[in-house]
């Protein structure tokens, strides 16, 4: 596997941050960001790639599940929520650090190669 492929895979891994938190700590967001719900009865609801969203006025979480069904759950039914936040600070710092490290490595390789010319 080439260095570029490894870097691309690593960047995909650290690009988003998933957080599981109790429903009482749920905050509103400008974009749908709920990937899964854990209901009080233990059932896990996974949303499709468009994610689910929190409707604060109605006190519900809704979205389309992986089976393609539109679902709505009242907060009283939900125990925990898994949210996905893109560009969270830790993954961002890791991504920038990795990019800098790869750049330094490539420059060092070029300088070493240039000495032999």
N, C-alpha and C. Protein backbone atom coordinates (compact mmCIF):
# COMPACT_ATOMS: atom_id res chain seq x y z
N UNK A 1 0.85 -1.17 0.00
CA UNK A 1 0.00 0.00 0.00
C UNK A 1 0.90 1.24 0.00
N UNK A 2 0.60 2.17 -0.87
CA UNK A 2 1.44 3.36 -0.96
C UNK A 2 1.19 4.32 0.19
N UNK A 3 2.12 5.24 0.36
CA UNK A 3 2.01 6.23 1.43
C UNK A 3 0.76 7.08 1.25
N UNK A 4 0.43 7.42 0.01
CA UNK A 4 -0.74 8.26 -0.27
C UNK A 4 -2.03 7.54 0.14
N UNK A 5 -2.12 6.25 -0.16
CA UNK A 5 -3.32 5.49 0.22
C UNK A 5 -3.45 5.40 1.73
N UNK A 6 -2.33 5.16 2.40
CA UNK A 6 -2.36 5.08 3.86
C UNK A 6 -2.78 6.42 4.46
N UNK A 7 -2.25 7.49 3.91
CA UNK A 7 -2.61 8.82 4.40
C UNK A 7 -4.10 9.09 4.18
N UNK A 8 -4.62 8.74 3.02
CA UNK A 8 -6.03 8.95 2.72
C UNK A 8 -6.92 8.17 3.69
N UNK A 9 -6.56 6.93 3.99
CA UNK A 9 -7.35 6.12 4.93
C UNK A 9 -7.30 6.73 6.32
N UNK A 10 -6.12 7.17 6.74
CA UNK A 10 -5.98 7.78 8.06
C UNK A 10 -6.79 9.06 8.16
N UNK A 11 -6.78 9.87 7.11
CA UNK A 11 -7.55 11.12 7.12
C UNK A 11 -9.05 10.84 7.20
N UNK A 12 -9.51 9.79 6.52
CA UNK A 12 -10.93 9.44 6.60
C UNK A 12 -11.31 8.99 8.01
N UNK A 13 -10.40 8.31 8.67
CA UNK A 13 -10.69 7.83 10.02
C UNK A 13 -10.83 8.98 11.00
N UNK A 14 -9.96 10.00 10.91
CA UNK A 14 -9.97 11.07 11.90
C UNK A 14 -10.78 12.29 11.47
N UNK A 15 -11.43 12.25 10.30
CA UNK A 15 -12.13 13.43 9.80
C UNK A 15 -13.38 13.79 10.60
N UNK A 16 -14.04 12.84 11.18
CA UNK A 16 -15.25 13.13 11.95
C UNK A 16 -15.12 12.63 13.37
N UNK A 17 -15.93 13.16 14.22
CA UNK A 17 -15.87 12.78 15.63
C UNK A 17 -17.25 12.30 16.06
N UNK A 18 -17.34 11.06 16.50
CA UNK A 18 -18.60 10.51 16.98
C UNK A 18 -18.62 10.60 18.50
N UNK A 19 -19.75 11.06 19.02
CA UNK A 19 -19.90 11.22 20.47
C UNK A 19 -21.21 10.59 20.90
N UNK A 20 -21.14 9.74 21.91
CA UNK A 20 -22.36 9.17 22.49
C UNK A 20 -22.60 9.89 23.81
N UNK A 21 -23.81 10.44 23.95
CA UNK A 21 -24.12 11.20 25.16
C UNK A 21 -25.57 10.95 25.56
N UNK A 22 -25.87 11.16 26.83
CA UNK A 22 -27.26 11.03 27.29
C UNK A 22 -28.15 12.04 26.57
N UNK A 23 -29.41 11.69 26.39
CA UNK A 23 -30.33 12.54 25.64
C UNK A 23 -30.51 13.91 26.31
N UNK A 24 -30.36 13.99 27.62
CA UNK A 24 -30.53 15.27 28.31
C UNK A 24 -29.44 16.28 27.93
N UNK A 25 -28.31 15.79 27.38
CA UNK A 25 -27.22 16.67 26.96
C UNK A 25 -27.29 17.04 25.48
N UNK A 26 -28.37 16.65 24.82
CA UNK A 26 -28.53 16.90 23.39
C UNK A 26 -28.65 18.40 23.12
N UNK A 27 -27.91 18.87 22.14
CA UNK A 27 -27.94 20.28 21.76
C UNK A 27 -28.43 20.41 20.33
N UNK A 28 -29.03 21.54 20.02
CA UNK A 28 -29.48 21.77 18.66
C UNK A 28 -28.27 22.01 17.76
N UNK A 29 -28.45 21.70 16.51
CA UNK A 29 -27.38 21.85 15.53
C UNK A 29 -27.96 22.47 14.26
N UNK A 30 -27.12 23.10 13.48
CA UNK A 30 -27.59 23.72 12.24
C UNK A 30 -27.78 22.70 11.12
N UNK A 31 -27.19 21.52 11.27
CA UNK A 31 -27.32 20.45 10.28
C UNK A 31 -27.69 19.15 10.98
N UNK A 32 -28.37 18.23 10.27
CA UNK A 32 -28.63 16.92 10.88
C UNK A 32 -27.32 16.24 11.23
N UNK A 33 -27.19 15.76 12.48
CA UNK A 33 -25.92 15.17 12.90
C UNK A 33 -26.09 13.95 13.80
N UNK A 34 -27.29 13.41 13.89
CA UNK A 34 -27.53 12.26 14.76
C UNK A 34 -27.40 10.99 13.92
N UNK A 35 -26.44 10.14 14.28
CA UNK A 35 -26.22 8.93 13.50
C UNK A 35 -26.97 7.72 14.08
N UNK A 36 -27.09 7.65 15.43
CA UNK A 36 -27.80 6.52 16.05
C UNK A 36 -28.49 6.96 17.32
N UNK A 37 -29.55 6.23 17.65
CA UNK A 37 -30.26 6.40 18.91
C UNK A 37 -30.22 5.09 19.67
N UNK A 38 -30.10 5.18 20.97
CA UNK A 38 -30.25 4.00 21.82
C UNK A 38 -31.49 4.28 22.66
N UNK A 39 -32.53 3.49 22.40
CA UNK A 39 -33.79 3.70 23.09
C UNK A 39 -33.74 3.15 24.51
N UNK A 40 -34.70 3.54 25.33
CA UNK A 40 -34.73 3.08 26.73
C UNK A 40 -34.88 1.57 26.83
N UNK A 41 -35.52 0.94 25.84
CA UNK A 41 -35.68 -0.52 25.87
C UNK A 41 -34.46 -1.25 25.32
N UNK A 42 -33.39 -0.50 24.93
CA UNK A 42 -32.15 -1.10 24.45
C UNK A 42 -32.05 -1.21 22.94
N UNK A 43 -33.13 -0.95 22.24
CA UNK A 43 -33.12 -1.03 20.78
C UNK A 43 -32.25 0.09 20.21
N UNK A 44 -31.47 -0.23 19.18
CA UNK A 44 -30.60 0.75 18.53
C UNK A 44 -31.20 1.12 17.18
N UNK A 45 -31.37 2.41 16.94
CA UNK A 45 -31.89 2.92 15.68
C UNK A 45 -30.75 3.63 14.96
N UNK A 46 -30.41 3.16 13.78
CA UNK A 46 -29.35 3.80 12.99
C UNK A 46 -29.99 4.57 11.84
N UNK A 47 -29.56 5.81 11.67
CA UNK A 47 -30.08 6.64 10.59
C UNK A 47 -29.24 6.45 9.34
N UNK A 48 -29.83 6.78 8.19
CA UNK A 48 -29.09 6.65 6.93
C UNK A 48 -28.00 7.73 6.84
N UNK A 49 -27.35 7.83 5.71
CA UNK A 49 -26.21 8.75 5.56
C UNK A 49 -26.60 10.22 5.66
N UNK A 50 -27.89 10.53 5.61
CA UNK A 50 -28.34 11.92 5.76
C UNK A 50 -28.53 12.30 7.23
N UNK A 51 -28.38 11.35 8.13
CA UNK A 51 -28.48 11.53 9.58
C UNK A 51 -29.88 11.96 10.02
N UNK A 52 -30.07 11.92 11.32
CA UNK A 52 -31.33 12.36 11.92
C UNK A 52 -31.12 13.73 12.55
N UNK A 53 -32.21 14.36 12.98
CA UNK A 53 -32.11 15.70 13.55
C UNK A 53 -33.01 15.84 14.77
N UNK A 54 -32.66 16.80 15.59
CA UNK A 54 -33.36 17.08 16.84
C UNK A 54 -34.31 18.24 16.62
N UNK A 55 -35.61 18.00 16.86
CA UNK A 55 -36.61 19.04 16.76
C UNK A 55 -36.91 19.50 18.19
N UNK A 56 -36.28 20.59 18.59
CA UNK A 56 -36.37 21.06 19.96
C UNK A 56 -37.79 21.47 20.32
N UNK A 57 -38.51 22.12 19.40
CA UNK A 57 -39.86 22.59 19.69
C UNK A 57 -40.81 21.44 20.01
N UNK A 58 -40.70 20.34 19.27
CA UNK A 58 -41.58 19.20 19.49
C UNK A 58 -41.01 18.19 20.48
N UNK A 59 -39.72 18.34 20.80
CA UNK A 59 -39.08 17.39 21.71
C UNK A 59 -38.92 16.02 21.10
N UNK A 60 -38.58 15.99 19.81
CA UNK A 60 -38.44 14.71 19.10
C UNK A 60 -37.13 14.65 18.32
N UNK A 61 -36.76 13.45 17.97
CA UNK A 61 -35.65 13.19 17.07
C UNK A 61 -36.24 12.43 15.90
N UNK A 62 -35.96 12.90 14.70
CA UNK A 62 -36.53 12.24 13.54
C UNK A 62 -35.52 12.12 12.43
N UNK A 63 -35.83 11.24 11.50
CA UNK A 63 -34.97 11.03 10.34
C UNK A 63 -35.39 9.78 9.61
N UNK A 64 -34.57 9.37 8.67
CA UNK A 64 -34.82 8.16 7.89
C UNK A 64 -33.83 7.10 8.34
N UNK A 65 -34.35 5.94 8.75
CA UNK A 65 -33.45 4.89 9.23
C UNK A 65 -32.80 4.16 8.05
N UNK A 66 -31.92 3.21 8.36
CA UNK A 66 -31.19 2.50 7.31
C UNK A 66 -32.08 1.62 6.45
N UNK A 67 -33.30 1.34 6.92
CA UNK A 67 -34.25 0.56 6.13
C UNK A 67 -35.08 1.46 5.21
N UNK A 68 -34.88 2.77 5.29
CA UNK A 68 -35.60 3.70 4.43
C UNK A 68 -36.91 4.21 5.01
N UNK A 69 -37.19 3.91 6.27
CA UNK A 69 -38.43 4.34 6.91
C UNK A 69 -38.22 5.65 7.66
N UNK A 70 -39.17 6.58 7.51
CA UNK A 70 -39.12 7.81 8.28
C UNK A 70 -39.57 7.48 9.70
N UNK A 71 -38.73 7.82 10.69
CA UNK A 71 -39.05 7.52 12.08
C UNK A 71 -39.00 8.79 12.92
N UNK A 72 -39.84 8.82 13.96
CA UNK A 72 -39.87 9.93 14.90
C UNK A 72 -39.93 9.34 16.31
N UNK A 73 -39.03 9.79 17.18
CA UNK A 73 -39.02 9.33 18.56
C UNK A 73 -39.06 10.52 19.49
N UNK A 74 -39.94 10.44 20.48
CA UNK A 74 -40.01 11.48 21.50
C UNK A 74 -38.81 11.30 22.43
N UNK A 75 -38.31 12.39 22.99
CA UNK A 75 -37.13 12.33 23.85
C UNK A 75 -37.32 11.38 25.04
N UNK A 76 -38.56 11.22 25.50
CA UNK A 76 -38.83 10.32 26.62
C UNK A 76 -38.53 8.86 26.27
N UNK A 77 -38.52 8.52 24.96
CA UNK A 77 -38.24 7.16 24.52
C UNK A 77 -36.75 6.89 24.35
N UNK A 78 -35.95 7.95 24.33
CA UNK A 78 -34.53 7.84 23.97
C UNK A 78 -33.66 7.87 25.22
N UNK A 79 -32.67 6.98 25.27
CA UNK A 79 -31.72 6.93 26.38
C UNK A 79 -30.43 7.68 26.02
N UNK A 80 -29.81 7.32 24.87
CA UNK A 80 -28.57 7.95 24.45
C UNK A 80 -28.62 8.29 22.97
N UNK A 81 -27.78 9.24 22.60
CA UNK A 81 -27.73 9.73 21.22
C UNK A 81 -26.28 9.73 20.76
N UNK A 82 -26.04 9.21 19.56
CA UNK A 82 -24.71 9.29 18.96
C UNK A 82 -24.74 10.36 17.88
N UNK A 83 -23.91 11.37 18.07
CA UNK A 83 -23.83 12.46 17.09
C UNK A 83 -22.50 12.42 16.36
N UNK A 84 -22.50 12.97 15.17
CA UNK A 84 -21.29 13.06 14.37
C UNK A 84 -21.03 14.53 14.12
N UNK A 85 -19.89 14.98 14.55
CA UNK A 85 -19.50 16.38 14.33
C UNK A 85 -18.29 16.38 13.43
N UNK A 86 -18.45 16.91 12.25
CA UNK A 86 -17.31 17.03 11.34
C UNK A 86 -16.45 18.20 11.77
N UNK A 87 -15.18 18.07 11.54
CA UNK A 87 -14.21 19.13 11.82
C UNK A 87 -14.13 19.48 13.30
N UNK A 88 -14.28 18.49 14.16
CA UNK A 88 -14.06 18.71 15.58
C UNK A 88 -12.59 19.05 15.79
N UNK A 89 -12.25 19.70 16.87
CA UNK A 89 -10.91 20.24 17.07
C UNK A 89 -9.83 19.16 17.11
N UNK A 90 -10.07 18.05 17.80
CA UNK A 90 -9.04 17.01 17.90
C UNK A 90 -8.75 16.37 16.54
N UNK A 91 -9.77 15.93 15.79
CA UNK A 91 -9.47 15.39 14.47
C UNK A 91 -8.83 16.42 13.54
N UNK A 92 -9.24 17.67 13.68
CA UNK A 92 -8.65 18.71 12.84
C UNK A 92 -7.16 18.86 13.14
N UNK A 93 -6.80 18.90 14.42
CA UNK A 93 -5.38 19.01 14.80
C UNK A 93 -4.60 17.79 14.31
N UNK A 94 -5.19 16.60 14.47
CA UNK A 94 -4.52 15.39 13.99
C UNK A 94 -4.32 15.42 12.48
N UNK A 95 -5.33 15.85 11.75
CA UNK A 95 -5.23 15.91 10.29
C UNK A 95 -4.16 16.89 9.85
N UNK A 96 -4.13 18.06 10.44
CA UNK A 96 -3.12 19.05 10.10
C UNK A 96 -1.73 18.54 10.48
N UNK A 97 -1.61 17.92 11.64
CA UNK A 97 -0.32 17.37 12.07
C UNK A 97 0.19 16.30 11.13
N UNK A 98 -0.70 15.43 10.70
CA UNK A 98 -0.32 14.38 9.76
C UNK A 98 0.12 14.98 8.43
N UNK A 99 -0.62 15.97 7.95
CA UNK A 99 -0.25 16.61 6.69
C UNK A 99 1.12 17.27 6.79
N UNK A 100 1.40 17.93 7.88
CA UNK A 100 2.71 18.57 8.07
C UNK A 100 3.80 17.50 8.14
N UNK A 101 3.56 16.42 8.87
CA UNK A 101 4.56 15.35 8.98
C UNK A 101 4.87 14.73 7.62
N UNK A 102 3.83 14.50 6.83
CA UNK A 102 4.05 13.94 5.49
C UNK A 102 4.81 14.93 4.62
N UNK A 103 4.50 16.20 4.73
CA UNK A 103 5.22 17.22 3.96
C UNK A 103 6.69 17.27 4.33
N UNK A 104 6.99 17.23 5.61
CA UNK A 104 8.39 17.23 6.06
C UNK A 104 9.10 15.98 5.57
N UNK A 105 8.44 14.84 5.64
CA UNK A 105 9.02 13.58 5.17
C UNK A 105 9.35 13.65 3.68
N UNK A 106 8.40 14.16 2.89
CA UNK A 106 8.62 14.24 1.44
C UNK A 106 9.75 15.22 1.10
N UNK A 107 9.82 16.34 1.80
CA UNK A 107 10.90 17.30 1.56
C UNK A 107 12.24 16.67 1.92
N UNK A 108 12.31 15.95 3.03
CA UNK A 108 13.56 15.28 3.42
C UNK A 108 13.97 14.26 2.37
N UNK A 109 13.01 13.50 1.84
CA UNK A 109 13.31 12.53 0.79
C UNK A 109 13.85 13.22 -0.46
N UNK A 110 13.21 14.32 -0.84
CA UNK A 110 13.67 15.06 -2.04
C UNK A 110 15.08 15.61 -1.85
N UNK A 111 15.37 16.13 -0.67
CA UNK A 111 16.70 16.67 -0.39
C UNK A 111 17.75 15.56 -0.40
N UNK A 112 17.39 14.41 0.16
CA UNK A 112 18.31 13.27 0.16
C UNK A 112 18.56 12.79 -1.26
N UNK A 113 17.52 12.74 -2.06
CA UNK A 113 17.64 12.30 -3.46
C UNK A 113 18.47 13.30 -4.27
N UNK A 114 18.29 14.61 -3.97
CA UNK A 114 19.02 15.65 -4.69
C UNK A 114 20.52 15.58 -4.42
N UNK A 115 20.93 15.08 -3.27
CA UNK A 115 22.36 14.96 -2.95
C UNK A 115 23.05 13.96 -3.86
N UNK A 116 22.34 12.97 -4.34
CA UNK A 116 22.93 11.93 -5.17
C UNK A 116 23.01 12.34 -6.64
N UNK A 117 22.46 13.47 -7.00
CA UNK A 117 22.49 13.91 -8.41
C UNK A 117 23.73 14.65 -8.75
